[in-house]
Structures are given as structure tokens and as C-alpha cells.
Protein backbone atom coordinates (compact mmCIF):
# COMPACT_ATOMS: atom_id res chain seq x y z
CA UNK A 1 -136.30 165.26 -34.57
CA UNK A 2 -139.77 167.26 -34.39
CA UNK A 3 -139.56 171.13 -34.21
CA UNK A 4 -143.05 171.45 -32.36
CA UNK A 5 -142.89 175.36 -32.43
CA UNK A 6 -141.89 175.34 -36.35
CA UNK A 7 -145.07 176.99 -37.38
CA UNK A 8 -144.76 179.57 -34.26
CA UNK A 9 -143.54 183.29 -33.98
CA UNK A 10 -140.33 182.85 -32.54
CA UNK A 11 -140.69 185.11 -29.42
CA UNK A 12 -141.59 184.53 -25.59
CA UNK A 13 -144.59 186.84 -26.35
CA UNK A 14 -146.14 184.12 -28.37
CA UNK A 15 -147.86 182.48 -25.33
CA UNK A 16 -147.20 181.28 -22.17
CA UNK A 17 -144.94 178.33 -21.51
CA UNK A 18 -146.77 174.78 -22.02
CA UNK A 19 -144.42 172.56 -20.24
CA UNK A 20 -140.62 172.64 -19.40
CA UNK A 21 -137.81 169.87 -18.42
CA UNK A 22 -134.85 170.29 -16.40
CA UNK A 23 -131.48 168.99 -17.97
CA UNK A 24 -128.28 168.27 -16.82
CA UNK A 25 -125.12 167.39 -18.96
CA UNK A 26 -122.93 166.27 -15.95
CA UNK A 27 -123.26 162.55 -17.48
CA UNK A 28 -121.94 163.59 -20.92
CA UNK A 29 -123.41 165.66 -23.93
CA UNK A 30 -127.27 165.60 -24.21
CA UNK A 31 -128.86 165.16 -27.58
CA UNK A 32 -132.59 166.39 -27.30
CA UNK A 33 -135.46 164.30 -28.32
CA UNK A 34 -137.19 168.00 -29.63
CA UNK A 35 -136.65 171.38 -30.40
CA UNK A 36 -137.16 173.41 -27.33
CA UNK A 37 -138.27 177.30 -27.57
CA UNK A 38 -135.49 178.23 -25.11
CA UNK A 39 -133.44 177.52 -22.13
CA UNK A 40 -133.51 179.02 -18.46
CA UNK A 41 -130.09 179.49 -16.72
CA UNK A 42 -129.96 178.80 -13.14
CA UNK A 43 -126.24 179.29 -12.57
CA UNK A 44 -124.30 181.82 -14.71
CA UNK A 45 -121.73 180.41 -17.08
CA UNK A 46 -121.05 179.28 -20.69
CA UNK A 47 -123.29 177.10 -22.79
CA UNK A 48 -122.09 174.95 -25.67
CA UNK A 49 -124.96 173.66 -28.03
CA UNK A 50 -125.79 172.51 -31.46
CA UNK A 51 -128.66 174.84 -32.82
CA UNK A 52 -131.86 173.80 -34.42
CA UNK A 53 -129.80 175.04 -37.89
CA UNK A 54 -127.47 172.61 -37.81
CA UNK A 55 -124.35 175.08 -36.50
CA UNK A 56 -122.73 174.46 -33.23
CA UNK A 57 -122.22 177.73 -30.91
CA UNK A 58 -121.00 178.62 -27.82
CA UNK A 59 -122.90 181.44 -25.43
CA UNK A 60 -120.37 182.75 -23.10
CA UNK A 61 -121.25 184.66 -19.97
CA UNK A 62 -124.83 183.88 -19.67
CA UNK A 63 -126.53 185.43 -16.51
CA UNK A 64 -128.25 183.51 -14.10
CA UNK A 65 -131.90 183.48 -13.71
CA UNK A 66 -132.71 184.51 -17.31
CA UNK A 67 -134.10 182.81 -20.01
CA UNK A 68 -132.80 182.90 -23.38
CA UNK A 69 -134.93 182.00 -26.91
CA UNK A 70 -132.41 179.69 -28.27
CA UNK A 71 -133.60 176.92 -30.54
CA UNK A 72 -130.96 173.76 -29.83
CA UNK A 73 -130.80 170.46 -30.46
CA UNK A 74 -127.96 169.41 -28.51
CA UNK A 75 -125.75 170.17 -25.29
CA UNK A 76 -122.44 169.69 -24.89
CA UNK A 77 -120.65 168.99 -21.29
CA UNK A 78 -117.22 170.05 -22.68
CA UNK A 79 -117.48 173.92 -23.43
CA UNK A 80 -120.47 174.08 -20.88
CA UNK A 81 -120.39 175.42 -17.42
CA UNK A 82 -123.60 177.04 -17.04
CA UNK A 83 -126.07 174.82 -14.55
CA UNK A 84 -129.53 174.62 -13.21
CA UNK A 85 -130.67 174.24 -16.97
CA UNK A 86 -134.60 174.14 -17.62
CA UNK A 87 -135.84 173.92 -21.05
CA UNK A 88 -139.15 175.09 -22.28
């Protein structure tokens, strides 16, 4: 899985979003084809993910309408309640 931002400074201030994709995990776990810079949360909740470093983490009580700078490779259906996700 290619990390297209591996040579970038890990911050939103590094530049504008160059692309985005809405994603849903309603049909099961979602293995990502690349490593996004972060995720936008449309509906508040929890998000269980595999991080780019290989660890599995659950981010609890993420606020709606916020972007989070997390480099993830997988989103789990079980353990996640946040919705309206957009990866950038």
C-alpha cells in the first residue's frame, strides 16, 4: 500500500486537499488502497481503525464536522459508529 504523503510534513497546513473520497463501512471492514492524510467526520461517533504504523486504535467520541489528521489503512465496521466519513 503506497503512502503518497511519506515525504510530506504531517500537517493540514502543508497544503490544500488534492482529492477526497467518501467511504462507508456499512458493508463490512474497509481495507484502504492508499494512506490518506486524514478523515472528515460527518456524524459524531467512534472510529476503529488500523493506523499506518500497524497498530489498531479506537478513537472515541469524535466530533461531527471535524477533520482529524490520522493516517489509516483500514476502517472496522465493528467498533465504529461515526458516519459521513470523507478521506483526504
